[in-house]
């Protein structure tokens, strides 16, 4: 069985001043604070959320 790809997602910019949709997407990704890093399993849904807030996060594989 293939091993699932893990993505490290780090919030690099504050959500203050951006639309509410961007803030809720960050919360859905599991990010609450600046420079917080979470690890998530790569999926098309996750990639879509990252694309919505790509200006606020940094992604490492």
PDB file of N, CA and C in Angstrom:
ATOM      1  N   UNK A   1       0.845  -1.177   0.000  1.00  0.00           N
ATOM      2  CA  UNK A   1       0.000   0.000   0.000  1.00  0.00           C
ATOM      3  C   UNK A   1       0.886   1.234   0.000  1.00  0.00           C
ATOM      4  N   UNK A   2       0.554   2.223  -0.810  1.00  0.00           N
ATOM      5  CA  UNK A   2       1.349   3.448  -0.907  1.00  0.00           C
ATOM      6  C   UNK A   2       1.140   4.307   0.332  1.00  0.00           C
ATOM      7  N   UNK A   3       2.213   4.956   0.718  1.00  0.00           N
ATOM      8  CA  UNK A   3       2.148   5.822   1.881  1.00  0.00           C
ATOM      9  C   UNK A   3       1.513   7.154   1.487  1.00  0.00           C
ATOM     10  N   UNK A   4       0.629   7.664   2.333  1.00  0.00           N
ATOM     11  CA  UNK A   4      -0.052   8.926   2.041  1.00  0.00           C
ATOM     12  C   UNK A   4       0.928  10.086   2.150  1.00  0.00           C
ATOM     13  N   UNK A   5       0.796  11.034   1.252  1.00  0.00           N
ATOM     14  CA  UNK A   5       1.657  12.207   1.253  1.00  0.00           C
ATOM     15  C   UNK A   5       1.206  13.168   2.355  1.00  0.00           C
ATOM     16  N   UNK A   6       2.150  13.655   3.132  1.00  0.00           N
ATOM     17  CA  UNK A   6       1.858  14.589   4.214  1.00  0.00           C
ATOM     18  C   UNK A   6       2.311  15.984   3.793  1.00  0.00           C
ATOM     19  N   UNK A   7       1.453  16.970   4.019  1.00  0.00           N
ATOM     20  CA  UNK A   7       1.780  18.360   3.728  1.00  0.00           C
ATOM     21  C   UNK A   7       1.928  19.128   5.035  1.00  0.00           C
ATOM     22  N   UNK A   8       2.980  19.936   5.126  1.00  0.00           N
ATOM     23  CA  UNK A   8       3.152  20.828   6.266  1.00  0.00           C
ATOM     24  C   UNK A   8       2.681  22.207   5.837  1.00  0.00           C
ATOM     25  N   UNK A   9       1.659  22.709   6.501  1.00  0.00           N
ATOM     26  CA  UNK A   9       1.058  23.992   6.145  1.00  0.00           C
ATOM     27  C   UNK A   9       1.341  24.974   7.272  1.00  0.00           C
ATOM     28  N   UNK A  10       1.933  26.123   6.935  1.00  0.00           N
ATOM     29  CA  UNK A  10       2.292  27.141   7.909  1.00  0.00           C
ATOM     30  C   UNK A  10       1.603  28.444   7.544  1.00  0.00           C
ATOM     31  N   UNK A  11       0.966  29.068   8.529  1.00  0.00           N
ATOM     32  CA  UNK A  11       0.361  30.380   8.295  1.00  0.00           C
ATOM     33  C   UNK A  11       1.460  31.430   8.385  1.00  0.00           C
ATOM     34  N   UNK A  12       1.664  32.181   7.301  1.00  0.00           N
ATOM     35  CA  UNK A  12       2.749  33.166   7.271  1.00  0.00           C
ATOM     36  C   UNK A  12       2.249  34.605   7.321  1.00  0.00           C
ATOM     37  N   UNK A  13       0.946  34.791   7.201  1.00  0.00           N
ATOM     38  CA  UNK A  13       0.392  36.131   7.184  1.00  0.00           C
ATOM     39  C   UNK A  13      -0.902  36.144   7.988  1.00  0.00           C
ATOM     40  N   UNK A  14      -1.209  37.278   8.597  1.00  0.00           N
ATOM     41  CA  UNK A  14      -2.411  37.397   9.399  1.00  0.00           C
ATOM     42  C   UNK A  14      -3.648  37.479   8.514  1.00  0.00           C
ATOM     43  N   UNK A  15      -4.757  36.976   9.011  1.00  0.00           N
ATOM     44  CA  UNK A  15      -6.015  37.014   8.264  1.00  0.00           C
ATOM     45  C   UNK A  15      -6.779  38.312   8.502  1.00  0.00           C
ATOM     46  N   UNK A  16      -6.254  39.188   9.334  1.00  0.00           N
ATOM     47  CA  UNK A  16      -6.912  40.462   9.610  1.00  0.00           C
ATOM     48  C   UNK A  16      -6.939  41.293   8.328  1.00  0.00           C
ATOM     49  N   UNK A  17      -8.109  41.808   8.011  1.00  0.00           N
ATOM     50  CA  UNK A  17      -8.256  42.638   6.823  1.00  0.00           C
ATOM     51  C   UNK A  17      -8.651  41.868   5.581  1.00  0.00           C
ATOM     52  N   UNK A  18      -8.747  40.557   5.663  1.00  0.00           N
ATOM     53  CA  UNK A  18      -9.167  39.744   4.534  1.00  0.00           C
ATOM     54  C   UNK A  18     -10.611  39.304   4.731  1.00  0.00           C
ATOM     55  N   UNK A  19     -11.200  38.757   3.700  1.00  0.00           N
ATOM     56  CA  UNK A  19     -12.602  38.348   3.763  1.00  0.00           C
ATOM     57  C   UNK A  19     -12.822  37.241   4.782  1.00  0.00           C
ATOM     58  N   UNK A  20     -14.054  37.162   5.254  1.00  0.00           N
ATOM     59  CA  UNK A  20     -14.419  36.149   6.245  1.00  0.00           C
ATOM     60  C   UNK A  20     -14.187  34.732   5.708  1.00  0.00           C
ATOM     61  N   UNK A  21     -14.369  34.531   4.414  1.00  0.00           N
ATOM     62  CA  UNK A  21     -14.169  33.217   3.807  1.00  0.00           C
ATOM     63  C   UNK A  21     -12.725  32.756   3.975  1.00  0.00           C
ATOM     64  N   UNK A  22     -11.772  33.685   3.858  1.00  0.00           N
ATOM     65  CA  UNK A  22     -10.358  33.341   4.038  1.00  0.00           C
ATOM     66  C   UNK A  22     -10.097  32.939   5.487  1.00  0.00           C
ATOM     67  N   UNK A  23     -10.696  33.646   6.414  1.00  0.00           N
ATOM     68  CA  UNK A  23     -10.502  33.332   7.839  1.00  0.00           C
ATOM     69  C   UNK A  23     -11.076  31.962   8.177  1.00  0.00           C
ATOM     70  N   UNK A  24     -12.259  31.663   7.648  1.00  0.00           N
ATOM     71  CA  UNK A  24     -12.866  30.364   7.955  1.00  0.00           C
ATOM     72  C   UNK A  24     -12.105  29.219   7.281  1.00  0.00           C
ATOM     73  N   UNK A  25     -11.517  29.486   6.131  1.00  0.00           N
ATOM     74  CA  UNK A  25     -10.706  28.459   5.471  1.00  0.00           C
ATOM     75  C   UNK A  25      -9.469  28.141   6.292  1.00  0.00           C
ATOM     76  N   UNK A  26      -8.839  29.166   6.862  1.00  0.00           N
ATOM     77  CA  UNK A  26      -7.676  28.927   7.727  1.00  0.00           C
ATOM     78  C   UNK A  26      -8.061  28.069   8.929  1.00  0.00           C
ATOM     79  N   UNK A  27      -9.201  28.364   9.518  1.00  0.00           N
ATOM     80  CA  UNK A  27      -9.664  27.580  10.666  1.00  0.00           C
ATOM     81  C   UNK A  27      -9.937  26.135  10.241  1.00  0.00           C
ATOM     82  N   UNK A  28     -10.517  25.952   9.054  1.00  0.00           N
ATOM     83  CA  UNK A  28     -10.796  24.602   8.551  1.00  0.00           C
ATOM     84  C   UNK A  28      -9.504  23.827   8.299  1.00  0.00           C
ATOM     85  N   UNK A  29      -8.443  24.541   7.927  1.00  0.00           N
ATOM     86  CA  UNK A  29      -7.146  23.890   7.744  1.00  0.00           C
ATOM     87  C   UNK A  29      -6.499  23.528   9.082  1.00  0.00           C
ATOM     88  N   UNK A  30      -7.005  24.096  10.179  1.00  0.00           N
ATOM     89  CA  UNK A  30      -6.457  23.812  11.503  1.00  0.00           C
ATOM     90  C   UNK A  30      -5.496  24.875  11.990  1.00  0.00           C
ATOM     91  N   UNK A  31      -5.464  26.014  11.318  1.00  0.00           N
ATOM     92  CA  UNK A  31      -4.546  27.099  11.689  1.00  0.00           C
ATOM     93  C   UNK A  31      -5.290  28.139  12.520  1.00  0.00           C
ATOM     94  N   UNK A  32      -4.724  28.463  13.661  1.00  0.00           N
ATOM     95  CA  UNK A  32      -5.346  29.432  14.555  1.00  0.00           C
ATOM     96  C   UNK A  32      -4.463  30.664  14.787  1.00  0.00           C
ATOM     97  N   UNK A  33      -3.148  30.492  14.721  1.00  0.00           N
ATOM     98  CA  UNK A  33      -2.210  31.566  15.050  1.00  0.00           C
ATOM     99  C   UNK A  33      -1.185  31.746  13.937  1.00  0.00           C
ATOM    100  N   UNK A  34      -0.526  32.888  13.944  1.00  0.00           N
ATOM    101  CA  UNK A  34       0.566  33.154  13.013  1.00  0.00           C
ATOM    102  C   UNK A  34       1.718  32.183  13.277  1.00  0.00           C
ATOM    103  N   UNK A  35       2.379  31.742  12.235  1.00  0.00           N
ATOM    104  CA  UNK A  35       3.541  30.857  12.275  1.00  0.00           C
ATOM    105  C   UNK A  35       3.234  29.499  12.886  1.00  0.00           C
ATOM    106  N   UNK A  36       1.959  29.153  12.984  1.00  0.00           N
ATOM    107  CA  UNK A  36       1.574  27.820  13.433  1.00  0.00           C
ATOM    108  C   UNK A  36       1.672  26.865  12.245  1.00  0.00           C
ATOM    109  N   UNK A  37       2.160  25.675  12.486  1.00  0.00           N
ATOM    110  CA  UNK A  37       2.300  24.666  11.440  1.00  0.00           C
ATOM    111  C   UNK A  37       1.449  23.454  11.781  1.00  0.00           C
ATOM    112  N   UNK A  38       0.725  22.967  10.773  1.00  0.00           N
ATOM    113  CA  UNK A  38      -0.062  21.745  10.926  1.00  0.00           C
ATOM    114  C   UNK A  38       0.336  20.777   9.823  1.00  0.00           C
ATOM    115  N   UNK A  39       0.170  19.505  10.090  1.00  0.00           N
ATOM    116  CA  UNK A  39       0.440  18.476   9.091  1.00  0.00           C
ATOM    117  C   UNK A  39      -0.887  17.840   8.707  1.00  0.00           C
ATOM    118  N   UNK A  40      -1.155  17.801   7.411  1.00  0.00           N
ATOM    119  CA  UNK A  40      -2.397  17.238   6.890  1.00  0.00           C
ATOM    120  C   UNK A  40      -2.059  16.241   5.787  1.00  0.00           C
ATOM    121  N   UNK A  41      -2.931  15.269   5.597  1.00  0.00           N
ATOM    122  CA  UNK A  41      -2.774  14.302   4.511  1.00  0.00           C
ATOM    123  C   UNK A  41      -3.236  14.961   3.212  1.00  0.00           C
ATOM    124  N   UNK A  42      -2.407  14.843   2.169  1.00  0.00           N
ATOM    125  CA  UNK A  42      -2.702  15.466   0.883  1.00  0.00           C
ATOM    126  C   UNK A  42      -3.956  14.866   0.265  1.00  0.00           C
ATOM    127  N   UNK A  43      -4.862  15.735  -0.201  1.00  0.00           N
ATOM    128  CA  UNK A  43      -6.074  15.316  -0.891  1.00  0.00           C
ATOM    129  C   UNK A  43      -6.528  16.457  -1.802  1.00  0.00           C
ATOM    130  N   UNK A  44      -7.377  16.176  -2.772  1.00  0.00           N
ATOM    131  CA  UNK A  44      -7.865  17.250  -3.641  1.00  0.00           C
ATOM    132  C   UNK A  44      -8.631  18.335  -2.883  1.00  0.00           C
ATOM    133  N   UNK A  45      -9.366  17.948  -1.859  1.00  0.00           N
ATOM    134  CA  UNK A  45     -10.111  18.915  -1.063  1.00  0.00           C
ATOM    135  C   UNK A  45      -9.150  19.852  -0.331  1.00  0.00           C
ATOM    136  N   UNK A  46      -8.114  19.285   0.252  1.00  0.00           N
ATOM    137  CA  UNK A  46      -7.115  20.085   0.966  1.00  0.00           C
ATOM    138  C   UNK A  46      -6.400  21.029   0.008  1.00  0.00           C
ATOM    139  N   UNK A  47      -6.041  20.533  -1.171  1.00  0.00           N
ATOM    140  CA  UNK A  47      -5.377  21.384  -2.175  1.00  0.00           C
ATOM    141  C   UNK A  47      -6.270  22.552  -2.580  1.00  0.00           C
ATOM    142  N   UNK A  48      -7.577  22.319  -2.680  1.00  0.00           N
ATOM    143  CA  UNK A  48      -8.517  23.391  -3.015  1.00  0.00           C
ATOM    144  C   UNK A  48      -8.559  24.459  -1.942  1.00  0.00           C
ATOM    145  N   UNK A  49      -8.550  24.035  -0.675  1.00  0.00           N
ATOM    146  CA  UNK A  49      -8.552  25.008   0.424  1.00  0.00           C
ATOM    147  C   UNK A  49      -7.257  25.802   0.437  1.00  0.00           C
ATOM    148  N   UNK A  50      -6.128  25.138   0.175  1.00  0.00           N
ATOM    149  CA  UNK A  50      -4.836  25.830   0.141  1.00  0.00           C
ATOM    150  C   UNK A  50      -4.815  26.850  -0.997  1.00  0.00           C
ATOM    151  N   UNK A  51      -5.385  26.499  -2.147  1.00  0.00           N
ATOM    152  CA  UNK A  51      -5.426  27.436  -3.269  1.00  0.00           C
ATOM    153  C   UNK A  51      -6.269  28.666  -2.959  1.00  0.00           C
ATOM    154  N   UNK A  52      -7.280  28.522  -2.110  1.00  0.00           N
ATOM    155  CA  UNK A  52      -8.112  29.656  -1.733  1.00  0.00           C
ATOM    156  C   UNK A  52      -7.364  30.673  -0.878  1.00  0.00           C
ATOM    157  N   UNK A  53      -6.402  30.203  -0.072  1.00  0.00           N
ATOM    158  CA  UNK A  53      -5.674  31.103   0.839  1.00  0.00           C
ATOM    159  C   UNK A  53      -4.167  31.016   0.616  1.00  0.00           C
ATOM    160  N   UNK A  54      -3.753  30.831  -0.636  1.00  0.00           N
ATOM    161  CA  UNK A  54      -2.331  30.650  -0.926  1.00  0.00           C
ATOM    162  C   UNK A  54      -1.484  31.872  -0.569  1.00  0.00           C
ATOM    163  N   UNK A  55      -2.090  33.042  -0.449  1.00  0.00           N
ATOM    164  CA  UNK A  55      -1.380  34.257  -0.078  1.00  0.00           C
ATOM    165  C   UNK A  55      -1.166  34.369   1.434  1.00  0.00           C
ATOM    166  N   UNK A  56      -1.768  33.471   2.209  1.00  0.00           N
ATOM    167  CA  UNK A  56      -1.650  33.497   3.670  1.00  0.00           C
ATOM    168  C   UNK A  56      -0.842  32.328   4.230  1.00  0.00           C
ATOM    169  N   UNK A  57      -0.575  31.325   3.409  1.00  0.00           N
ATOM    170  CA  UNK A  57       0.076  30.105   3.908  1.00  0.00           C
ATOM    171  C   UNK A  57       1.281  29.729   3.069  1.00  0.00           C
ATOM    172  N   UNK A  58       2.145  28.914   3.679  1.00  0.00           N
ATOM    173  CA  UNK A  58       3.293  28.305   2.987  1.00  0.00           C
ATOM    174  C   UNK A  58       3.123  26.801   3.126  1.00  0.00           C
ATOM    175  N   UNK A  59       3.346  26.083   2.006  1.00  0.00           N
ATOM    176  CA  UNK A  59       3.129  24.634   1.993  1.00  0.00           C
ATOM    177  C   UNK A  59       4.444  23.940   1.665  1.00  0.00           C
ATOM    178  N   UNK A  60       4.775  22.911   2.460  1.00  0.00           N
ATOM    179  CA  UNK A  60       5.953  22.077   2.217  1.00  0.00           C
ATOM    180  C   UNK A  60       5.498  20.622   2.134  1.00  0.00           C
ATOM    181  N   UNK A  61       6.140  19.872   1.245  1.00  0.00           N
ATOM    182  CA  UNK A  61       5.774  18.463   1.105  1.00  0.00           C
ATOM    183  C   UNK A  61       6.684  17.581   1.909  1.00  0.00           C
TER     184      UNK A  61
END
